[in-house]
Amino acid sequence: MRKTFKFIGIFLLLIVIGGGIYLWSLSKPLPSGRSGKQADLLAKKMMTAVNKTAWDTTKIVQWTFRGEHDFIWDKQHHFVEVKWENNRVLLHSKKATGIAYIEGKEVNGEEKETLVKTAWSYFCNDAFWLNAPTKAFDPGTSRSIVTQEDGSKSLLVKYESGGVTPGDAYLWHLDKNGRPNSWQMWTSIIPIQGIRVSWEDWATLPSGAAYAQKHLLGSLNIGISNAKTAESLTDLGENEDLFNVLK
């Protein structure tokens, strides 16, 4: 019996090692690029292509990420409503604090802390997928140009601080107008480094801000839906005092 368990343990270990080797074989090394004025100009071109000015002046934005997480974001005050499953959190995104509810009932203690932390993590990730091109000059970032084999120029943006997983890097592949058509990611939470995901099916929000509705990884769509912008919460059909408990 002991020999049987030992054999099973060795077999499972080999599967884990084999899986790790396979994932490593799919990964690509982080490319090196050339930083400086030209890289910054390419980053500004990308931000212009998605109308960063409109993103900066948008007051309220609503969206759903992957059909799982629903958001209403008061950008001016850094307030966010995050809903998933039977959970709801009213979040102060800058402070990573908030109020949590399960099935409409407020919870406290460790349960609250866990939900608030989860909501903040969801918001950081899902808002980045919504408007990441506007974040190329955030504090703690660096930019460089990577020249591809066909001579085209891609923009490598590294995040040394901020968010949930500082140290991540993204290589933007752009069209002739500077609008992204895909990116490659080097992140701590994805085992395959340099994996490529599309940015496509672009749309323009009422505020003038542009966003990609589809992010395809093979047949998997990491999609954005139900996106709207507004001048006020009432314009979205929401109660204007939605975030009063956070003030």
C-alpha atoms as a PDB file:
ATOM      1  CA  MET A   1       0.000   0.000   0.000  1.00  0.00           C
ATOM      2  CA  ARG A   2       2.807   2.402   0.920  1.00  0.00           C
ATOM      3  CA  LYS A   3       4.508   1.646  -2.387  1.00  0.00           C
ATOM      4  CA  THR A   4       1.257   2.435  -4.192  1.00  0.00           C
ATOM      5  CA  PHE A   5       0.930   5.820  -2.479  1.00  0.00           C
ATOM      6  CA  LYS A   6       4.591   6.526  -3.150  1.00  0.00           C
ATOM      7  CA  PHE A   7       4.109   5.713  -6.828  1.00  0.00           C
ATOM      8  CA  ILE A   8       1.037   7.983  -7.040  1.00  0.00           C
ATOM      9  CA  GLY A   9       2.960  10.779  -5.340  1.00  0.00           C
ATOM     10  CA  ILE A  10       5.875  10.465  -7.780  1.00  0.00           C
ATOM     11  CA  PHE A  11       3.426  10.341 -10.705  1.00  0.00           C
ATOM     12  CA  LEU A  12       1.649  13.537  -9.584  1.00  0.00           C
ATOM     13  CA  LEU A  13       4.997  15.241  -9.024  1.00  0.00           C
ATOM     14  CA  LEU A  14       6.051  14.358 -12.580  1.00  0.00           C
ATOM     15  CA  ILE A  15       2.787  15.791 -13.903  1.00  0.00           C
ATOM     16  CA  VAL A  16       3.404  19.055 -12.033  1.00  0.00           C
ATOM     17  CA  ILE A  17       7.001  19.232 -13.260  1.00  0.00           C
ATOM     18  CA  GLY A  18       5.939  18.374 -16.786  1.00  0.00           C
ATOM     19  CA  GLY A  19       3.234  21.034 -16.711  1.00  0.00           C
ATOM     20  CA  GLY A  20       5.730  23.587 -15.476  1.00  0.00           C
ATOM     21  CA  ILE A  21       8.177  22.714 -18.259  1.00  0.00           C
ATOM     22  CA  TYR A  22       5.372  22.978 -20.834  1.00  0.00           C
ATOM     23  CA  LEU A  23       4.294  26.404 -19.587  1.00  0.00           C
ATOM     24  CA  TRP A  24       7.929  27.525 -19.532  1.00  0.00           C
ATOM     25  CA  SER A  25       8.313  26.405 -23.154  1.00  0.00           C
ATOM     26  CA  LEU A  26       5.361  28.591 -24.173  1.00  0.00           C
ATOM     27  CA  SER A  27       6.696  31.642 -22.357  1.00  0.00           C
ATOM     28  CA  LYS A  28       8.681  34.352 -24.097  1.00  0.00           C
ATOM     29  CA  PRO A  29      11.412  36.459 -22.513  1.00  0.00           C
ATOM     30  CA  LEU A  30      10.679  40.084 -21.756  1.00  0.00           C
ATOM     31  CA  PRO A  31      12.164  42.081 -24.644  1.00  0.00           C
ATOM     32  CA  SER A  32      14.482  44.995 -24.125  1.00  0.00           C
ATOM     33  CA  GLY A  33      13.626  48.292 -25.731  1.00  0.00           C
ATOM     34  CA  ARG A  34      14.976  51.775 -26.233  1.00  0.00           C
ATOM     35  CA  SER A  35      13.679  54.415 -23.843  1.00  0.00           C
ATOM     36  CA  GLY A  36      13.659  58.136 -24.404  1.00  0.00           C
ATOM     37  CA  LYS A  37      11.793  60.793 -26.344  1.00  0.00           C
ATOM     38  CA  GLN A  38      10.624  58.533 -29.186  1.00  0.00           C
ATOM     39  CA  ALA A  39       9.135  56.028 -26.747  1.00  0.00           C
ATOM     40  CA  ASP A  40       7.271  58.794 -24.936  1.00  0.00           C
ATOM     41  CA  LEU A  41       5.983  60.160 -28.253  1.00  0.00           C
ATOM     42  CA  LEU A  42       4.677  56.708 -29.214  1.00  0.00           C
ATOM     43  CA  ALA A  43       2.958  56.409 -25.831  1.00  0.00           C
ATOM     44  CA  LYS A  44       1.325  59.818 -26.313  1.00  0.00           C
ATOM     45  CA  LYS A  45       0.174  58.751 -29.779  1.00  0.00           C
ATOM     46  CA  MET A  46      -1.472  55.696 -28.246  1.00  0.00           C
ATOM     47  CA  MET A  47      -3.208  57.794 -25.611  1.00  0.00           C
ATOM     48  CA  THR A  48      -4.438  60.247 -28.228  1.00  0.00           C
ATOM     49  CA  ALA A  49      -5.865  57.340 -30.251  1.00  0.00           C
ATOM     50  CA  VAL A  50      -8.098  56.337 -27.312  1.00  0.00           C
ATOM     51  CA  ASN A  51      -8.856  59.987 -26.398  1.00  0.00           C
ATOM     52  CA  LYS A  52      -7.181  60.183 -23.007  1.00  0.00           C
ATOM     53  CA  THR A  53      -8.507  63.714 -22.584  1.00  0.00           C
ATOM     54  CA  ALA A  54     -12.051  62.342 -22.722  1.00  0.00           C
ATOM     55  CA  TRP A  55     -11.145  59.587 -20.249  1.00  0.00           C
ATOM     56  CA  ASP A  56      -9.704  62.173 -17.852  1.00  0.00           C
ATOM     57  CA  THR A  57     -12.843  64.324 -17.977  1.00  0.00           C
ATOM     58  CA  THR A  58     -15.331  61.448 -17.773  1.00  0.00           C
ATOM     59  CA  LYS A  59     -17.184  61.785 -14.475  1.00  0.00           C
ATOM     60  CA  ILE A  60     -19.091  58.500 -14.161  1.00  0.00           C
ATOM     61  CA  VAL A  61     -18.416  55.220 -15.964  1.00  0.00           C
ATOM     62  CA  GLN A  62     -20.280  51.930 -15.760  1.00  0.00           C
ATOM     63  CA  TRP A  63     -19.208  48.569 -17.190  1.00  0.00           C
ATOM     64  CA  THR A  64     -19.302  44.804 -16.767  1.00  0.00           C
ATOM     65  CA  PHE A  65     -16.143  42.712 -16.985  1.00  0.00           C
ATOM     66  CA  ARG A  66     -16.365  39.199 -18.451  1.00  0.00           C
ATOM     67  CA  GLY A  67     -20.042  39.131 -17.583  1.00  0.00           C
ATOM     68  CA  GLU A  68     -19.051  38.561 -13.929  1.00  0.00           C
ATOM     69  CA  HIS A  69     -18.160  41.861 -12.231  1.00  0.00           C
ATOM     70  CA  ASP A  70     -20.350  44.989 -12.426  1.00  0.00           C
ATOM     71  CA  PHE A  71     -18.969  48.459 -11.733  1.00  0.00           C
ATOM     72  CA  ILE A  72     -20.154  52.032 -11.311  1.00  0.00           C
ATOM     73  CA  TRP A  73     -17.151  54.325 -10.919  1.00  0.00           C
ATOM     74  CA  ASP A  74     -17.350  57.924  -9.745  1.00  0.00           C
ATOM     75  CA  LYS A  75     -13.958  58.947 -11.090  1.00  0.00           C
ATOM     76  CA  GLN A  76     -13.959  62.403  -9.536  1.00  0.00           C
ATOM     77  CA  HIS A  77     -14.372  61.139  -5.976  1.00  0.00           C
ATOM     78  CA  HIS A  78     -12.722  57.698  -6.383  1.00  0.00           C
ATOM     79  CA  PHE A  79     -15.895  55.908  -5.335  1.00  0.00           C
ATOM     80  CA  VAL A  80     -16.795  52.550  -6.888  1.00  0.00           C
ATOM     81  CA  GLU A  81     -19.724  50.195  -6.566  1.00  0.00           C
ATOM     82  CA  VAL A  82     -18.535  46.629  -7.219  1.00  0.00           C
ATOM     83  CA  LYS A  83     -21.021  43.765  -7.558  1.00  0.00           C
ATOM     84  CA  TRP A  84     -20.402  40.079  -8.163  1.00  0.00           C
ATOM     85  CA  GLU A  85     -22.460  36.994  -7.333  1.00  0.00           C
ATOM     86  CA  ASN A  86     -24.467  37.958  -4.214  1.00  0.00           C
ATOM     87  CA  ASN A  87     -21.826  40.446  -3.012  1.00  0.00           C
ATOM     88  CA  ARG A  88     -21.805  44.234  -3.188  1.00  0.00           C
ATOM     89  CA  VAL A  89     -19.079  46.604  -2.024  1.00  0.00           C
ATOM     90  CA  LEU A  90     -19.053  50.397  -1.921  1.00  0.00           C
ATOM     91  CA  LEU A  91     -15.347  51.104  -2.301  1.00  0.00           C
ATOM     92  CA  HIS A  92     -13.042  54.089  -1.896  1.00  0.00           C
ATOM     93  CA  SER A  93     -10.493  53.089  -4.523  1.00  0.00           C
ATOM     94  CA  LYS A  94      -7.671  55.363  -3.325  1.00  0.00           C
ATOM     95  CA  LYS A  95      -7.909  54.205   0.274  1.00  0.00           C
ATOM     96  CA  ALA A  96      -8.881  50.581  -0.480  1.00  0.00           C
ATOM     97  CA  THR A  97     -11.583  50.895   2.177  1.00  0.00           C
ATOM     98  CA  GLY A  98     -15.308  50.431   1.947  1.00  0.00           C
ATOM     99  CA  ILE A  99     -18.586  48.945   3.079  1.00  0.00           C
ATOM    100  CA  ALA A 100     -19.567  45.373   2.172  1.00  0.00           C
ATOM    101  CA  TYR A 101     -22.896  43.625   1.760  1.00  0.00           C
ATOM    102  CA  ILE A 102     -23.943  40.023   1.193  1.00  0.00           C
ATOM    103  CA  GLU A 103     -27.453  39.544  -0.178  1.00  0.00           C
ATOM    104  CA  GLY A 104     -28.183  43.152   0.750  1.00  0.00           C
ATOM    105  CA  LYS A 105     -27.104  42.856   4.383  1.00  0.00           C
ATOM    106  CA  GLU A 106     -24.075  44.760   5.652  1.00  0.00           C
ATOM    107  CA  VAL A 107     -21.262  42.603   7.035  1.00  0.00           C
ATOM    108  CA  ASN A 108     -18.331  43.476   9.274  1.00  0.00           C
ATOM    109  CA  GLY A 109     -15.144  42.020  10.684  1.00  0.00           C
ATOM    110  CA  GLU A 110     -13.026  39.591   8.674  1.00  0.00           C
ATOM    111  CA  GLU A 111     -15.894  38.981   6.252  1.00  0.00           C
ATOM    112  CA  LYS A 112     -15.996  42.679   5.403  1.00  0.00           C
ATOM    113  CA  GLU A 113     -12.211  42.934   5.089  1.00  0.00           C
ATOM    114  CA  THR A 114     -12.120  39.987   2.695  1.00  0.00           C
ATOM    115  CA  LEU A 115     -14.885  41.381   0.478  1.00  0.00           C
ATOM    116  CA  VAL A 116     -13.399  44.886   0.397  1.00  0.00           C
ATOM    117  CA  LYS A 117      -9.973  43.504  -0.506  1.00  0.00           C
ATOM    118  CA  THR A 118     -11.521  41.336  -3.228  1.00  0.00           C
ATOM    119  CA  ALA A 119     -13.522  44.270  -4.616  1.00  0.00           C
ATOM    120  CA  TRP A 120     -10.409  46.458  -4.706  1.00  0.00           C
ATOM    121  CA  SER A 121      -8.480  43.715  -6.520  1.00  0.00           C
ATOM    122  CA  TYR A 122     -11.297  43.289  -9.054  1.00  0.00           C
ATOM    123  CA  PHE A 123     -11.486  47.029  -9.612  1.00  0.00           C
ATOM    124  CA  CYS A 124      -7.732  47.453 -10.154  1.00  0.00           C
ATOM    125  CA  ASN A 125      -7.651  44.617 -12.679  1.00  0.00           C
ATOM    126  CA  ASP A 126     -10.930  45.257 -14.501  1.00  0.00           C
ATOM    127  CA  ALA A 127     -10.520  49.039 -14.760  1.00  0.00           C
ATOM    128  CA  PHE A 128      -7.073  48.421 -16.246  1.00  0.00           C
ATOM    129  CA  TRP A 129      -8.607  46.249 -18.972  1.00  0.00           C
ATOM    130  CA  LEU A 130     -11.092  49.060 -19.588  1.00  0.00           C
ATOM    131  CA  ASN A 131      -8.639  51.905 -20.146  1.00  0.00           C
ATOM    132  CA  ALA A 132      -5.054  50.634 -19.809  1.00  0.00           C
ATOM    133  CA  PRO A 133      -3.757  52.688 -22.781  1.00  0.00           C
ATOM    134  CA  THR A 134      -4.309  55.855 -20.729  1.00  0.00           C
ATOM    135  CA  LYS A 135      -2.030  54.562 -17.961  1.00  0.00           C
ATOM    136  CA  ALA A 136       1.276  54.688 -19.835  1.00  0.00           C
ATOM    137  CA  PHE A 137       2.544  57.671 -17.837  1.00  0.00           C
ATOM    138  CA  ASP A 138       1.253  56.656 -14.413  1.00  0.00           C
ATOM    139  CA  PRO A 139       3.684  57.081 -11.493  1.00  0.00           C
ATOM    140  CA  GLY A 140       6.181  54.236 -11.418  1.00  0.00           C
ATOM    141  CA  THR A 141       6.028  53.514 -15.160  1.00  0.00           C
ATOM    142  CA  SER A 142       8.770  53.380 -17.769  1.00  0.00           C
ATOM    143  CA  ARG A 143       8.391  53.298 -21.547  1.00  0.00           C
ATOM    144  CA  SER A 144      10.566  51.936 -24.329  1.00  0.00           C
ATOM    145  CA  ILE A 145      10.280  51.074 -28.014  1.00  0.00           C
ATOM    146  CA  VAL A 146      10.723  47.489 -29.160  1.00  0.00           C
ATOM    147  CA  THR A 147      11.416  47.005 -32.863  1.00  0.00           C
ATOM    148  CA  GLN A 148       9.713  43.930 -34.335  1.00  0.00           C
ATOM    149  CA  GLU A 149      11.148  41.641 -37.016  1.00  0.00           C
ATOM    150  CA  ASP A 150       9.027  43.365 -39.674  1.00  0.00           C
ATOM    151  CA  GLY A 151      10.380  46.760 -38.648  1.00  0.00           C
ATOM    152  CA  SER A 152       7.223  47.908 -36.850  1.00  0.00           C
ATOM    153  CA  LYS A 153       7.504  49.640 -33.492  1.00  0.00           C
ATOM    154  CA  SER A 154       5.796  48.354 -30.357  1.00  0.00           C
ATOM    155  CA  LEU A 155       5.565  50.116 -27.017  1.00  0.00           C
ATOM    156  CA  LEU A 156       6.776  48.389 -23.856  1.00  0.00           C
ATOM    157  CA  VAL A 157       5.315  49.819 -20.636  1.00  0.00           C
ATOM    158  CA  LYS A 158       6.635  48.574 -17.296  1.00  0.00           C
ATOM    159  CA  TYR A 159       4.882  49.188 -13.974  1.00  0.00           C
ATOM    160  CA  GLU A 160       7.344  49.238 -11.107  1.00  0.00           C
ATOM    161  CA  SER A 161       4.723  50.253  -8.548  1.00  0.00           C
ATOM    162  CA  GLY A 162       0.981  50.621  -8.045  1.00  0.00           C
ATOM    163  CA  GLY A 163      -1.994  48.305  -8.518  1.00  0.00           C
ATOM    164  CA  VAL A 164      -2.224  44.776  -7.190  1.00  0.00           C
ATOM    165  CA  THR A 165       0.815  43.271  -8.925  1.00  0.00           C
ATOM    166  CA  PRO A 166       3.618  45.850  -9.315  1.00  0.00           C
ATOM    167  CA  GLY A 167       6.424  44.736 -11.603  1.00  0.00           C
ATOM    168  CA  ASP A 168       4.169  43.775 -14.519  1.00  0.00           C
ATOM    169  CA  ALA A 169       5.035  44.741 -18.094  1.00  0.00           C
ATOM    170  CA  TYR A 170       2.935  45.066 -21.247  1.00  0.00           C
ATOM    171  CA  LEU A 171       4.069  45.232 -24.853  1.00  0.00           C
ATOM    172  CA  TRP A 172       1.541  47.169 -26.920  1.00  0.00           C
ATOM    173  CA  HIS A 173       1.188  46.399 -30.638  1.00  0.00           C
ATOM    174  CA  LEU A 174      -0.341  49.406 -32.392  1.00  0.00           C
ATOM    175  CA  ASP A 175      -1.905  50.232 -35.747  1.00  0.00           C
ATOM    176  CA  LYS A 176      -0.665  53.125 -37.871  1.00  0.00           C
ATOM    177  CA  ASN A 177      -2.815  55.557 -35.894  1.00  0.00           C
ATOM    178  CA  GLY A 178      -1.445  54.384 -32.562  1.00  0.00           C
ATOM    179  CA  ARG A 179      -4.534  52.459 -31.515  1.00  0.00           C
ATOM    180  CA  PRO A 180      -3.750  49.120 -29.848  1.00  0.00           C
ATOM    181  CA  ASN A 181      -4.697  45.906 -31.650  1.00  0.00           C
ATOM    182  CA  SER A 182      -3.110  43.573 -29.066  1.00  0.00           C
ATOM    183  CA  TRP A 183      -0.713  43.373 -26.165  1.00  0.00           C
ATOM    184  CA  GLN A 184       1.675  40.837 -24.707  1.00  0.00           C
ATOM    185  CA  MET A 185       1.791  40.474 -20.944  1.00  0.00           C
ATOM    186  CA  TRP A 186       4.538  39.656 -18.462  1.00  0.00           C
ATOM    187  CA  THR A 187       2.697  39.433 -15.139  1.00  0.00           C
ATOM    188  CA  SER A 188       3.117  37.574 -11.884  1.00  0.00           C
ATOM    189  CA  ILE A 189      -0.383  36.069 -11.958  1.00  0.00           C
ATOM    190  CA  ILE A 190      -0.186  34.482 -15.434  1.00  0.00           C
ATOM    191  CA  PRO A 191       2.095  31.415 -15.757  1.00  0.00           C
ATOM    192  CA  ILE A 192       2.748  31.916 -19.481  1.00  0.00           C
ATOM    193  CA  GLN A 193       4.898  34.997 -19.921  1.00  0.00           C
ATOM    194  CA  GLY A 194       4.551  37.095 -23.061  1.00  0.00           C
ATOM    195  CA  ILE A 195       1.096  35.710 -23.875  1.00  0.00           C
ATOM    196  CA  ARG A 196      -0.700  37.770 -26.521  1.00  0.00           C
ATOM    197  CA  VAL A 197      -4.287  39.027 -26.194  1.00  0.00           C
ATOM    198  CA  SER A 198      -6.180  41.129 -28.726  1.00  0.00           C
ATOM    199  CA  TRP A 199      -7.666  44.590 -28.255  1.00  0.00           C
ATOM    200  CA  GLU A 200     -10.464  44.837 -30.810  1.00  0.00           C
ATOM    201  CA  ASP A 201     -14.064  45.799 -31.547  1.00  0.00           C
ATOM    202  CA  TRP A 202     -13.403  49.373 -30.521  1.00  0.00           C
ATOM    203  CA  ALA A 203     -16.279  51.615 -29.482  1.00  0.00           C
ATOM    204  CA  THR A 204     -16.665  55.214 -28.358  1.00  0.00           C
ATOM    205  CA  LEU A 205     -18.477  56.087 -25.139  1.00  0.00           C
ATOM    206  CA  PRO A 206     -20.798  59.124 -24.875  1.00  0.00           C
ATOM    207  CA  SER A 207     -17.978  61.073 -23.202  1.00  0.00           C
ATOM    208  CA  GLY A 208     -15.784  60.507 -26.276  1.00  0.00           C
ATOM    209  CA  ALA A 209     -13.499  57.974 -24.608  1.00  0.00           C
ATOM    210  CA  ALA A 210     -12.627  54.909 -26.712  1.00  0.00           C
ATOM    211  CA  TYR A 211     -12.394  51.366 -25.408  1.00  0.00           C
ATOM    212  CA  ALA A 212     -11.979  47.835 -26.790  1.00  0.00           C
ATOM    213  CA  GLN A 213     -15.011  45.601 -26.236  1.00  0.00           C
ATOM    214  CA  LYS A 214     -13.158  42.363 -27.017  1.00  0.00           C
ATOM    215  CA  HIS A 215      -9.904  40.936 -25.703  1.00  0.00           C
ATOM    216  CA  LEU A 216      -9.455  37.557 -27.330  1.00  0.00           C
ATOM    217  CA  LEU A 217      -7.113  34.914 -25.971  1.00  0.00           C
ATOM    218  CA  GLY A 218      -7.760  32.105 -28.412  1.00  0.00           C
ATOM    219  CA  SER A 219     -11.514  31.558 -28.195  1.00  0.00           C
ATOM    220  CA  LEU A 220     -11.727  33.138 -24.718  1.00  0.00           C
ATOM    221  CA  ASN A 221     -13.120  36.672 -24.722  1.00  0.00           C
ATOM    222  CA  ILE A 222     -12.022  38.792 -21.776  1.00  0.00           C
ATOM    223  CA  GLY A 223     -14.783  41.176 -22.726  1.00  0.00           C
ATOM    224  CA  ILE A 224     -16.174  44.534 -21.671  1.00  0.00           C
ATOM    225  CA  SER A 225     -19.947  44.962 -21.862  1.00  0.00           C
ATOM    226  CA  ASN A 226     -22.707  47.282 -20.634  1.00  0.00           C
ATOM    227  CA  ALA A 227     -20.300  50.241 -20.807  1.00  0.00           C
ATOM    228  CA  LYS A 228     -21.759  53.721 -20.323  1.00  0.00           C
ATOM    229  CA  THR A 229     -20.550  57.141 -19.254  1.00  0.00           C
ATOM    230  CA  ALA A 230     -22.560  59.910 -17.647  1.00  0.00           C
ATOM    231  CA  GLU A 231     -22.317  63.310 -16.034  1.00  0.00           C
ATOM    232  CA  SER A 232     -24.113  62.130 -12.899  1.00  0.00           C
ATOM    233  CA  LEU A 233     -25.422  59.017 -11.198  1.00  0.00           C
ATOM    234  CA  THR A 234     -29.005  60.000 -12.021  1.00  0.00           C
ATOM    235  CA  ASP A 235     -28.080  59.951 -15.720  1.00  0.00           C
ATOM    236  CA  LEU A 236     -27.379  56.238 -15.238  1.00  0.00           C
ATOM    237  CA  GLY A 237     -30.697  55.752 -13.481  1.00  0.00           C
ATOM    238  CA  GLU A 238     -28.947  55.438 -10.113  1.00  0.00           C
ATOM    239  CA  ASN A 239     -29.718  57.195  -6.843  1.00  0.00           C
ATOM    240  CA  GLU A 240     -27.595  60.310  -6.466  1.00  0.00           C
ATOM    241  CA  ASP A 241     -26.801  59.402  -2.847  1.00  0.00           C
ATOM    242  CA  LEU A 242     -25.363  55.973  -3.811  1.00  0.00           C
ATOM    243  CA  PHE A 243     -21.964  56.805  -2.315  1.00  0.00           C
ATOM    244  CA  ASN A 244     -23.065  59.064   0.561  1.00  0.00           C
ATOM    245  CA  VAL A 245     -22.041  56.429   3.125  1.00  0.00           C
ATOM    246  CA  LEU A 246     -18.434  56.803   1.935  1.00  0.00           C
ATOM    247  CA  LYS A 247     -18.285  60.575   2.396  1.00  0.00           C
END
